């Protein structure tokens, strides 16, 4: 009466310590837990967290599942979130500590 059946339709093994897939949230036995073993439709896309740094504003831009870097940067620029840093004022010239010296 204890345990949960593996969600693989051909396995259905009762497991006392089933593992839940982070992609599809279904319980699986140890044999069918890997994404490839149960043909997970979400797979690594559910846990994939990648980003690219915008060369213009140096902000991190998250890549969506299957998205190319160039497309993510174009999306970032089109969103209006890309702001080029303001040109910094030139650094003051060092001054000599001696009295009367420039």
PDB file of N, CA and C in Angstrom:
ATOM      1  N   UNK A   1       0.803  -1.202   0.000  1.00  0.00           N
ATOM      2  CA  UNK A   1       0.000   0.000   0.000  1.00  0.00           C
ATOM      3  C   UNK A   1       0.849   1.270   0.000  1.00  0.00           C
ATOM      4  N   UNK A   2       2.153   1.124   0.187  1.00  0.00           N
ATOM      5  CA  UNK A   2       3.024   2.289   0.233  1.00  0.00           C
ATOM      6  C   UNK A   2       3.743   2.444  -1.097  1.00  0.00           C
ATOM      7  N   UNK A   3       4.211   3.642  -1.362  1.00  0.00           N
ATOM      8  CA  UNK A   3       4.975   3.896  -2.568  1.00  0.00           C
ATOM      9  C   UNK A   3       4.112   4.438  -3.690  1.00  0.00           C
ATOM     10  N   UNK A   4       4.763   4.761  -4.784  1.00  0.00           N
ATOM     11  CA  UNK A   4       4.112   5.353  -5.946  1.00  0.00           C
ATOM     12  C   UNK A   4       4.563   4.582  -7.175  1.00  0.00           C
ATOM     13  N   UNK A   5       3.664   4.437  -8.128  1.00  0.00           N
ATOM     14  CA  UNK A   5       4.011   3.757  -9.374  1.00  0.00           C
ATOM     15  C   UNK A   5       4.825   4.692 -10.270  1.00  0.00           C
ATOM     16  N   UNK A   6       5.794   4.113 -10.951  1.00  0.00           N
ATOM     17  CA  UNK A   6       6.586   4.857 -11.939  1.00  0.00           C
ATOM     18  C   UNK A   6       5.638   5.327 -13.038  1.00  0.00           C
ATOM     19  N   UNK A   7       5.826   6.550 -13.526  1.00  0.00           N
ATOM     20  CA  UNK A   7       4.935   7.114 -14.536  1.00  0.00           C
ATOM     21  C   UNK A   7       5.204   6.595 -15.945  1.00  0.00           C
ATOM     22  N   UNK A   8       6.282   5.844 -16.141  1.00  0.00           N
ATOM     23  CA  UNK A   8       6.537   5.259 -17.456  1.00  0.00           C
ATOM     24  C   UNK A   8       5.435   4.234 -17.733  1.00  0.00           C
ATOM     25  N   UNK A   9       4.729   4.355 -18.871  1.00  0.00           N
ATOM     26  CA  UNK A   9       3.580   3.474 -19.118  1.00  0.00           C
ATOM     27  C   UNK A   9       3.942   1.989 -19.216  1.00  0.00           C
ATOM     28  N   UNK A  10       5.181   1.662 -19.550  1.00  0.00           N
ATOM     29  CA  UNK A  10       5.573   0.266 -19.688  1.00  0.00           C
ATOM     30  C   UNK A  10       6.228  -0.284 -18.427  1.00  0.00           C
ATOM     31  N   UNK A  11       6.532   0.554 -17.471  1.00  0.00           N
ATOM     32  CA  UNK A  11       7.202   0.119 -16.241  1.00  0.00           C
ATOM     33  C   UNK A  11       6.194  -0.082 -15.118  1.00  0.00           C
ATOM     34  N   UNK A  12       5.604   0.986 -14.664  1.00  0.00           N
ATOM     35  CA  UNK A  12       4.623   0.994 -13.578  1.00  0.00           C
ATOM     36  C   UNK A  12       5.116   0.321 -12.306  1.00  0.00           C
ATOM     37  N   UNK A  13       6.425   0.277 -12.122  1.00  0.00           N
ATOM     38  CA  UNK A  13       7.019  -0.308 -10.924  1.00  0.00           C
ATOM     39  C   UNK A  13       6.631   0.532  -9.711  1.00  0.00           C
ATOM     40  N   UNK A  14       6.300  -0.122  -8.611  1.00  0.00           N
ATOM     41  CA  UNK A  14       5.979   0.591  -7.373  1.00  0.00           C
ATOM     42  C   UNK A  14       7.305   0.899  -6.683  1.00  0.00           C
ATOM     43  N   UNK A  15       7.518   2.166  -6.375  1.00  0.00           N
ATOM     44  CA  UNK A  15       8.773   2.602  -5.782  1.00  0.00           C
ATOM     45  C   UNK A  15       8.482   3.299  -4.458  1.00  0.00           C
ATOM     46  N   UNK A  16       9.204   2.909  -3.425  1.00  0.00           N
ATOM     47  CA  UNK A  16       9.005   3.530  -2.116  1.00  0.00           C
ATOM     48  C   UNK A  16       9.636   4.916  -2.045  1.00  0.00           C
ATOM     49  N   UNK A  17      10.680   5.138  -2.837  1.00  0.00           N
ATOM     50  CA  UNK A  17      11.347   6.441  -2.874  1.00  0.00           C
ATOM     51  C   UNK A  17      11.416   6.929  -4.323  1.00  0.00           C
ATOM     52  N   UNK A  18      10.273   7.275  -4.902  1.00  0.00           N
ATOM     53  CA  UNK A  18      10.288   7.718  -6.296  1.00  0.00           C
ATOM     54  C   UNK A  18      10.948   9.095  -6.416  1.00  0.00           C
ATOM     55  N   UNK A  19      11.467   9.363  -7.587  1.00  0.00           N
ATOM     56  CA  UNK A  19      12.077  10.668  -7.856  1.00  0.00           C
ATOM     57  C   UNK A  19      11.166  11.435  -8.793  1.00  0.00           C
ATOM     58  N   UNK A  20      10.982  12.727  -8.503  1.00  0.00           N
ATOM     59  CA  UNK A  20      10.125  13.557  -9.334  1.00  0.00           C
ATOM     60  C   UNK A  20      10.962  14.281 -10.372  1.00  0.00           C
ATOM     61  N   UNK A  21      10.558  14.181 -11.629  1.00  0.00           N
ATOM     62  CA  UNK A  21      11.256  14.875 -12.723  1.00  0.00           C
ATOM     63  C   UNK A  21      11.025  16.375 -12.574  1.00  0.00           C
ATOM     64  N   UNK A  22      12.077  17.158 -12.672  1.00  0.00           N
ATOM     65  CA  UNK A  22      11.947  18.611 -12.539  1.00  0.00           C
ATOM     66  C   UNK A  22      11.302  19.238 -13.764  1.00  0.00           C
ATOM     67  N   UNK A  23      11.318  18.520 -14.888  1.00  0.00           N
ATOM     68  CA  UNK A  23      10.721  19.037 -16.117  1.00  0.00           C
ATOM     69  C   UNK A  23       9.220  18.828 -16.165  1.00  0.00           C
ATOM     70  N   UNK A  24       8.784  17.564 -16.041  1.00  0.00           N
ATOM     71  CA  UNK A  24       7.365  17.239 -16.204  1.00  0.00           C
ATOM     72  C   UNK A  24       6.641  16.990 -14.881  1.00  0.00           C
ATOM     73  N   UNK A  25       7.370  16.998 -13.757  1.00  0.00           N
ATOM     74  CA  UNK A  25       6.799  16.846 -12.419  1.00  0.00           C
ATOM     75  C   UNK A  25       6.095  15.495 -12.207  1.00  0.00           C
ATOM     76  N   UNK A  26       6.547  14.445 -12.886  1.00  0.00           N
ATOM     77  CA  UNK A  26       5.981  13.112 -12.731  1.00  0.00           C
ATOM     78  C   UNK A  26       6.935  12.244 -11.921  1.00  0.00           C
ATOM     79  N   UNK A  27       6.413  11.301 -11.123  1.00  0.00           N
ATOM     80  CA  UNK A  27       7.296  10.404 -10.352  1.00  0.00           C
ATOM     81  C   UNK A  27       7.820   9.267 -11.240  1.00  0.00           C
ATOM     82  N   UNK A  28       9.102   8.935 -11.070  1.00  0.00           N
ATOM     83  CA  UNK A  28       9.728   7.862 -11.837  1.00  0.00           C
ATOM     84  C   UNK A  28      10.615   7.021 -10.935  1.00  0.00           C
ATOM     85  N   UNK A  29      10.816   5.764 -11.351  1.00  0.00           N
ATOM     86  CA  UNK A  29      11.759   4.894 -10.664  1.00  0.00           C
ATOM     87  C   UNK A  29      13.166   5.334 -11.070  1.00  0.00           C
ATOM     88  N   UNK A  30      14.167   4.769 -10.444  1.00  0.00           N
ATOM     89  CA  UNK A  30      15.545   5.165 -10.707  1.00  0.00           C
ATOM     90  C   UNK A  30      15.947   4.896 -12.160  1.00  0.00           C
ATOM     91  N   UNK A  31      15.371   3.876 -12.778  1.00  0.00           N
ATOM     92  CA  UNK A  31      15.719   3.536 -14.163  1.00  0.00           C
ATOM     93  C   UNK A  31      15.150   4.535 -15.165  1.00  0.00           C
ATOM     94  N   UNK A  32      13.970   5.072 -14.896  1.00  0.00           N
ATOM     95  CA  UNK A  32      13.317   5.978 -15.845  1.00  0.00           C
ATOM     96  C   UNK A  32      13.398   7.449 -15.436  1.00  0.00           C
ATOM     97  N   UNK A  33      14.150   7.756 -14.403  1.00  0.00           N
ATOM     98  CA  UNK A  33      14.258   9.134 -13.936  1.00  0.00           C
ATOM     99  C   UNK A  33      14.987  10.068 -14.901  1.00  0.00           C
ATOM    100  N   UNK A  34      16.091   9.669 -15.571  1.00  0.00           N
ATOM    101  CA  UNK A  34      16.770  10.599 -16.485  1.00  0.00           C
ATOM    102  C   UNK A  34      15.825  11.087 -17.592  1.00  0.00           C
ATOM    103  N   UNK A  35      16.023  12.333 -18.030  1.00  0.00           N
ATOM    104  CA  UNK A  35      15.146  12.928 -19.047  1.00  0.00           C
ATOM    105  C   UNK A  35      15.012  12.047 -20.284  1.00  0.00           C
ATOM    106  N   UNK A  36      16.130  11.519 -20.768  1.00  0.00           N
ATOM    107  CA  UNK A  36      16.106  10.699 -21.967  1.00  0.00           C
ATOM    108  C   UNK A  36      15.398   9.370 -21.761  1.00  0.00           C
ATOM    109  N   UNK A  37      15.423   8.831 -20.555  1.00  0.00           N
ATOM    110  CA  UNK A  37      14.826   7.527 -20.289  1.00  0.00           C
ATOM    111  C   UNK A  37      13.301   7.570 -20.336  1.00  0.00           C
ATOM    112  N   UNK A  38      12.695   8.700 -20.026  1.00  0.00           N
ATOM    113  CA  UNK A  38      11.235   8.769 -20.079  1.00  0.00           C
ATOM    114  C   UNK A  38      10.739   9.757 -21.130  1.00  0.00           C
ATOM    115  N   UNK A  39      11.632  10.148 -22.038  1.00  0.00           N
ATOM    116  CA  UNK A  39      11.276  11.050 -23.150  1.00  0.00           C
ATOM    117  C   UNK A  39      10.560  12.290 -22.644  1.00  0.00           C
ATOM    118  N   UNK A  40      11.181  12.951 -21.702  1.00  0.00           N
ATOM    119  CA  UNK A  40      10.594  14.155 -21.088  1.00  0.00           C
ATOM    120  C   UNK A  40      10.405  15.238 -22.149  1.00  0.00           C
ATOM    121  N   UNK A  41       9.201  15.785 -22.212  1.00  0.00           N
ATOM    122  CA  UNK A  41       8.911  16.812 -23.210  1.00  0.00           C
ATOM    123  C   UNK A  41       9.547  18.146 -22.849  1.00  0.00           C
ATOM    124  N   UNK A  42       9.797  18.386 -21.570  1.00  0.00           N
ATOM    125  CA  UNK A  42      10.413  19.644 -21.151  1.00  0.00           C
ATOM    126  C   UNK A  42      11.900  19.471 -20.931  1.00  0.00           C
ATOM    127  N   UNK A  43      12.297  18.352 -20.375  1.00  0.00           N
ATOM    128  CA  UNK A  43      13.705  18.007 -20.200  1.00  0.00           C
ATOM    129  C   UNK A  43      14.545  19.106 -19.615  1.00  0.00           C
ATOM    130  N   UNK A  44      15.694  19.328 -20.207  1.00  0.00           N
ATOM    131  CA  UNK A  44      16.623  20.320 -19.684  1.00  0.00           C
ATOM    132  C   UNK A  44      16.103  21.743 -19.800  1.00  0.00           C
ATOM    133  N   UNK A  45      15.122  21.968 -20.649  1.00  0.00           N
ATOM    134  CA  UNK A  45      14.578  23.324 -20.805  1.00  0.00           C
ATOM    135  C   UNK A  45      13.987  23.834 -19.497  1.00  0.00           C
ATOM    136  N   UNK A  46      13.532  22.943 -18.647  1.00  0.00           N
ATOM    137  CA  UNK A  46      12.931  23.351 -17.375  1.00  0.00           C
ATOM    138  C   UNK A  46      13.979  23.846 -16.384  1.00  0.00           C
ATOM    139  N   UNK A  47      15.212  23.368 -16.507  1.00  0.00           N
ATOM    140  CA  UNK A  47      16.250  23.751 -15.553  1.00  0.00           C
ATOM    141  C   UNK A  47      17.377  24.542 -16.191  1.00  0.00           C
ATOM    142  N   UNK A  48      17.315  24.763 -17.488  1.00  0.00           N
ATOM    143  CA  UNK A  48      18.383  25.460 -18.196  1.00  0.00           C
ATOM    144  C   UNK A  48      18.324  26.952 -17.890  1.00  0.00           C
ATOM    145  N   UNK A  49      19.358  27.460 -17.273  1.00  0.00           N
ATOM    146  CA  UNK A  49      19.427  28.881 -16.931  1.00  0.00           C
ATOM    147  C   UNK A  49      20.721  29.443 -17.511  1.00  0.00           C
ATOM    148  N   UNK A  50      20.627  30.013 -18.704  1.00  0.00           N
ATOM    149  CA  UNK A  50      21.811  30.590 -19.338  1.00  0.00           C
ATOM    150  C   UNK A  50      21.539  32.053 -19.655  1.00  0.00           C
ATOM    151  N   UNK A  51      22.609  32.812 -19.731  1.00  0.00           N
ATOM    152  CA  UNK A  51      22.491  34.229 -20.041  1.00  0.00           C
ATOM    153  C   UNK A  51      23.694  34.656 -20.864  1.00  0.00           C
ATOM    154  N   UNK A  52      23.533  35.761 -21.551  1.00  0.00           N
ATOM    155  CA  UNK A  52      24.609  36.365 -22.331  1.00  0.00           C
ATOM    156  C   UNK A  52      24.720  37.820 -21.873  1.00  0.00           C
ATOM    157  N   UNK A  53      25.924  38.357 -21.903  1.00  0.00           N
ATOM    158  CA  UNK A  53      26.151  39.733 -21.473  1.00  0.00           C
ATOM    159  C   UNK A  53      26.013  40.662 -22.679  1.00  0.00           C
ATOM    160  N   UNK A  54      25.179  41.678 -22.541  1.00  0.00           N
ATOM    161  CA  UNK A  54      24.977  42.658 -23.614  1.00  0.00           C
ATOM    162  C   UNK A  54      26.252  43.482 -23.761  1.00  0.00           C
ATOM    163  N   UNK A  55      26.832  43.534 -24.974  1.00  0.00           N
ATOM    164  CA  UNK A  55      28.061  44.309 -25.150  1.00  0.00           C
ATOM    165  C   UNK A  55      27.855  45.815 -25.012  1.00  0.00           C
ATOM    166  N   UNK A  56      26.638  46.301 -25.208  1.00  0.00           N
ATOM    167  CA  UNK A  56      26.382  47.735 -25.141  1.00  0.00           C
ATOM    168  C   UNK A  56      26.209  48.235 -23.706  1.00  0.00           C
ATOM    169  N   UNK A  57      25.379  47.533 -22.922  1.00  0.00           N
ATOM    170  CA  UNK A  57      25.079  48.039 -21.578  1.00  0.00           C
ATOM    171  C   UNK A  57      25.611  47.145 -20.459  1.00  0.00           C
ATOM    172  N   UNK A  58      26.241  46.044 -20.822  1.00  0.00           N
ATOM    173  CA  UNK A  58      26.853  45.114 -19.865  1.00  0.00           C
ATOM    174  C   UNK A  58      25.839  44.452 -18.934  1.00  0.00           C
ATOM    175  N   UNK A  59      24.566  44.403 -19.338  1.00  0.00           N
ATOM    176  CA  UNK A  59      23.531  43.738 -18.544  1.00  0.00           C
ATOM    177  C   UNK A  59      23.449  42.269 -18.946  1.00  0.00           C
ATOM    178  N   UNK A  60      23.052  41.430 -18.015  1.00  0.00           N
ATOM    179  CA  UNK A  60      22.838  40.013 -18.314  1.00  0.00           C
ATOM    180  C   UNK A  60      21.478  39.825 -18.965  1.00  0.00           C
ATOM    181  N   UNK A  61      21.446  39.096 -20.093  1.00  0.00           N
ATOM    182  CA  UNK A  61      20.207  38.851 -20.821  1.00  0.00           C
ATOM    183  C   UNK A  61      19.945  37.350 -20.807  1.00  0.00           C
ATOM    184  N   UNK A  62      18.818  36.936 -20.241  1.00  0.00           N
ATOM    185  CA  UNK A  62      18.501  35.510 -20.127  1.00  0.00           C
ATOM    186  C   UNK A  62      18.157  34.935 -21.491  1.00  0.00           C
ATOM    187  N   UNK A  63      18.712  33.757 -21.763  1.00  0.00           N
ATOM    188  CA  UNK A  63      18.392  33.030 -22.989  1.00  0.00           C
ATOM    189  C   UNK A  63      17.205  32.121 -22.707  1.00  0.00           C
ATOM    190  N   UNK A  64      16.183  32.203 -23.536  1.00  0.00           N
ATOM    191  CA  UNK A  64      15.040  31.301 -23.408  1.00  0.00           C
ATOM    192  C   UNK A  64      15.434  29.949 -23.989  1.00  0.00           C
ATOM    193  N   UNK A  65      14.663  28.919 -23.729  1.00  0.00           N
ATOM    194  CA  UNK A  65      14.973  27.569 -24.203  1.00  0.00           C
ATOM    195  C   UNK A  65      15.079  27.551 -25.724  1.00  0.00           C
ATOM    196  N   UNK A  66      16.222  27.104 -26.229  1.00  0.00           N
ATOM    197  CA  UNK A  66      16.434  26.980 -27.663  1.00  0.00           C
ATOM    198  C   UNK A  66      16.732  28.284 -28.385  1.00  0.00           C
ATOM    199  N   UNK A  67      16.846  29.372 -27.668  1.00  0.00           N
ATOM    200  CA  UNK A  67      17.075  30.680 -28.285  1.00  0.00           C
ATOM    201  C   UNK A  67      18.563  30.903 -28.518  1.00  0.00           C
ATOM    202  N   UNK A  68      18.898  31.505 -29.650  1.00  0.00           N
ATOM    203  CA  UNK A  68      20.294  31.818 -29.957  1.00  0.00           C
ATOM    204  C   UNK A  68      20.671  33.133 -29.291  1.00  0.00           C
ATOM    205  N   UNK A  69      21.982  33.312 -29.071  1.00  0.00           N
ATOM    206  CA  UNK A  69      22.467  34.515 -28.391  1.00  0.00           C
ATOM    207  C   UNK A  69      22.075  35.779 -29.141  1.00  0.00           C
ATOM    208  N   UNK A  70      22.236  35.770 -30.461  1.00  0.00           N
ATOM    209  CA  UNK A  70      21.934  36.961 -31.254  1.00  0.00           C
ATOM    210  C   UNK A  70      20.465  37.351 -31.114  1.00  0.00           C
ATOM    211  N   UNK A  71      19.577  36.361 -31.127  1.00  0.00           N
ATOM    212  CA  UNK A  71      18.144  36.646 -30.992  1.00  0.00           C
ATOM    213  C   UNK A  71      17.836  37.228 -29.610  1.00  0.00           C
ATOM    214  N   UNK A  72      18.502  36.731 -28.577  1.00  0.00           N
ATOM    215  CA  UNK A  72      18.279  37.255 -27.230  1.00  0.00           C
ATOM    216  C   UNK A  72      18.749  38.699 -27.129  1.00  0.00           C
ATOM    217  N   UNK A  73      19.886  39.008 -27.738  1.00  0.00           N
ATOM    218  CA  UNK A  73      20.387  40.387 -27.700  1.00  0.00           C
ATOM    219  C   UNK A  73      19.480  41.320 -28.490  1.00  0.00           C
ATOM    220  N   UNK A  74      18.930  40.857 -29.612  1.00  0.00           N
ATOM    221  CA  UNK A  74      17.996  41.675 -30.389  1.00  0.00           C
ATOM    222  C   UNK A  74      16.716  41.922 -29.591  1.00  0.00           C
ATOM    223  N   UNK A  75      16.239  40.893 -28.893  1.00  0.00           N
ATOM    224  CA  UNK A  75      15.047  41.034 -28.044  1.00  0.00           C
ATOM    225  C   UNK A  75      15.306  42.051 -26.935  1.00  0.00           C
ATOM    226  N   UNK A  76      16.501  41.983 -26.346  1.00  0.00           N
ATOM    227  CA  UNK A  76      16.887  42.908 -25.276  1.00  0.00           C
ATOM    228  C   UNK A  76      16.923  44.347 -25.784  1.00  0.00           C
ATOM    229  N   UNK A  77      17.516  44.550 -26.957  1.00  0.00           N
ATOM    230  CA  UNK A  77      17.611  45.908 -27.522  1.00  0.00           C
ATOM    231  C   UNK A  77      16.234  46.451 -27.889  1.00  0.00           C
ATOM    232  N   UNK A  78      15.369  45.601 -28.420  1.00  0.00           N
ATOM    233  CA  UNK A  78      14.039  46.039 -28.821  1.00  0.00           C
ATOM    234  C   UNK A  78      13.139  46.337 -27.615  1.00  0.00           C
ATOM    235  N   UNK A  79      13.437  45.750 -26.461  1.00  0.00           N
ATOM    236  CA  UNK A  79      12.599  45.958 -25.285  1.00  0.00           C
ATOM    237  C   UNK A  79      12.784  47.338 -24.663  1.00  0.00           C
ATOM    238  N   UNK A  80      13.849  48.017 -25.028  1.00  0.00           N
ATOM    239  CA  UNK A  80      14.116  49.330 -24.453  1.00  0.00           C
ATOM    240  C   UNK A  80      14.893  49.252 -23.148  1.00  0.00           C
ATOM    241  N   UNK A  81      15.222  48.057 -22.718  1.00  0.00           N
ATOM    242  CA  UNK A  81      15.959  47.885 -21.467  1.00  0.00           C
ATOM    243  C   UNK A  81      17.458  48.114 -21.652  1.00  0.00           C
ATOM    244  N   UNK A  82      17.899  48.119 -22.890  1.00  0.00           N
ATOM    245  CA  UNK A  82      19.323  48.303 -23.171  1.00  0.00           C
ATOM    246  C   UNK A  82      19.655  49.795 -23.149  1.00  0.00           C
ATOM    247  N   UNK A  83      20.413  50.184 -22.161  1.00  0.00           N
ATOM    248  CA  UNK A  83      20.814  51.581 -22.031  1.00  0.00           C
ATOM    249  C   UNK A  83      22.330  51.632 -22.003  1.00  0.00           C
ATOM    250  N   UNK A  84      22.870  52.348 -22.947  1.00  0.00           N
ATOM    251  CA  UNK A  84      24.327  52.497 -22.982  1.00  0.00           C
ATOM    252  C   UNK A  84      24.750  53.348 -21.792  1.00  0.00           C
ATOM    253  N   UNK A  85      25.843  52.970 -21.137  1.00  0.00           N
ATOM    254  CA  UNK A  85      26.292  53.765 -19.983  1.00  0.00           C
ATOM    255  C   UNK A  85      26.696  55.171 -20.417  1.00  0.00           C
ATOM    256  N   UNK A  86      26.370  56.123 -19.597  1.00  0.00           N
ATOM    257  CA  UNK A  86      26.732  57.516 -19.876  1.00  0.00           C
ATOM    258  C   UNK A  86      28.251  57.646 -19.880  1.00  0.00           C
ATOM    259  N   UNK A  87      28.736  58.502 -20.736  1.00  0.00           N
ATOM    260  CA  UNK A  87      30.183  58.723 -20.787  1.00  0.00           C
ATOM    261  C   UNK A  87      30.617  59.369 -19.476  1.00  0.00           C
ATOM    262  N   UNK A  88      31.561  58.787 -18.850  1.00  0.00           N
ATOM    263  CA  UNK A  88      32.052  59.302 -17.572  1.00  0.00           C
ATOM    264  C   UNK A  88      32.862  60.572 -17.809  1.00  0.00           C
ATOM    265  N   UNK A  89      32.798  61.462 -16.865  1.00  0.00           N
ATOM    266  CA  UNK A  89      33.588  62.693 -16.956  1.00  0.00           C
ATOM    267  C   UNK A  89      35.064  62.316 -16.906  1.00  0.00           C
ATOM    268  N   UNK A  90      35.909  63.043 -17.628  1.00  0.00           N
ATOM    269  CA  UNK A  90      37.327  62.699 -17.595  1.00  0.00           C
ATOM    270  C   UNK A  90      37.886  62.814 -16.176  1.00  0.00           C
ATOM    271  N   UNK A  91      38.770  61.930 -15.866  1.00  0.00           N
ATOM    272  CA  UNK A  91      39.366  61.916 -14.528  1.00  0.00           C
ATOM    273  C   UNK A  91      40.180  63.188 -14.330  1.00  0.00           C
ATOM    274  N   UNK A  92      40.112  63.789 -13.138  1.00  0.00           N
ATOM    275  CA  UNK A  92      40.891  65.001 -12.893  1.00  0.00           C
ATOM    276  C   UNK A  92      42.392  64.691 -12.955  1.00  0.00           C
ATOM    277  N   UNK A  93      43.119  65.645 -13.496  1.00  0.00           N
ATOM    278  CA  UNK A  93      44.565  65.462 -13.597  1.00  0.00           C
ATOM    279  C   UNK A  93      45.184  65.488 -12.209  1.00  0.00           C
ATOM    280  N   UNK A  94      46.153  64.657 -11.967  1.00  0.00           N
ATOM    281  CA  UNK A  94      46.781  64.653 -10.644  1.00  0.00           C
ATOM    282  C   UNK A  94      47.492  65.982 -10.381  1.00  0.00           C
ATOM    283  N   UNK A  95      47.424  66.425  -9.163  1.00  0.00           N
ATOM    284  CA  UNK A  95      48.061  67.696  -8.783  1.00  0.00           C
ATOM    285  C   UNK A  95      49.280  67.397  -7.919  1.00  0.00           C
ATOM    286  N   UNK A  96      50.243  68.243  -8.094  1.00  0.00           N
ATOM    287  CA  UNK A  96      51.448  68.126  -7.319  1.00  0.00           C
ATOM    288  C   UNK A  96      51.189  68.649  -5.905  1.00  0.00           C
ATOM    289  N   UNK A  97      51.739  68.024  -4.908  1.00  0.00           N
ATOM    290  CA  UNK A  97      51.531  68.425  -3.515  1.00  0.00           C
ATOM    291  C   UNK A  97      52.365  69.632  -3.104  1.00  0.00           C
ATOM    292  N   UNK A  98      53.342  69.971  -3.927  1.00  0.00           N
ATOM    293  CA  UNK A  98      54.213  71.109  -3.576  1.00  0.00           C
ATOM    294  C   UNK A  98      53.457  72.417  -3.759  1.00  0.00           C
ATOM    295  N   UNK A  99      53.690  73.378  -2.844  1.00  0.00           N
ATOM    296  CA  UNK A  99      52.999  74.655  -2.890  1.00  0.00           C
ATOM    297  C   UNK A  99      53.422  75.424  -4.139  1.00  0.00           C
ATOM    298  N   UNK A 100      52.441  75.969  -4.870  1.00  0.00           N
ATOM    299  CA  UNK A 100      52.701  76.766  -6.058  1.00  0.00           C
ATOM    300  C   UNK A 100      52.888  75.931  -7.316  1.00  0.00           C
ATOM    301  N   UNK A 101      52.952  74.674  -7.204  1.00  0.00           N
ATOM    302  CA  UNK A 101      53.140  73.791  -8.367  1.00  0.00           C
ATOM    303  C   UNK A 101      51.776  73.476  -8.978  1.00  0.00           C
ATOM    304  N   UNK A 102      51.734  73.338 -10.277  1.00  0.00           N
ATOM    305  CA  UNK A 102      50.453  73.028 -10.937  1.00  0.00           C
ATOM    306  C   UNK A 102      50.408  71.588 -11.259  1.00  0.00           C
TER     307      UNK A 102
END
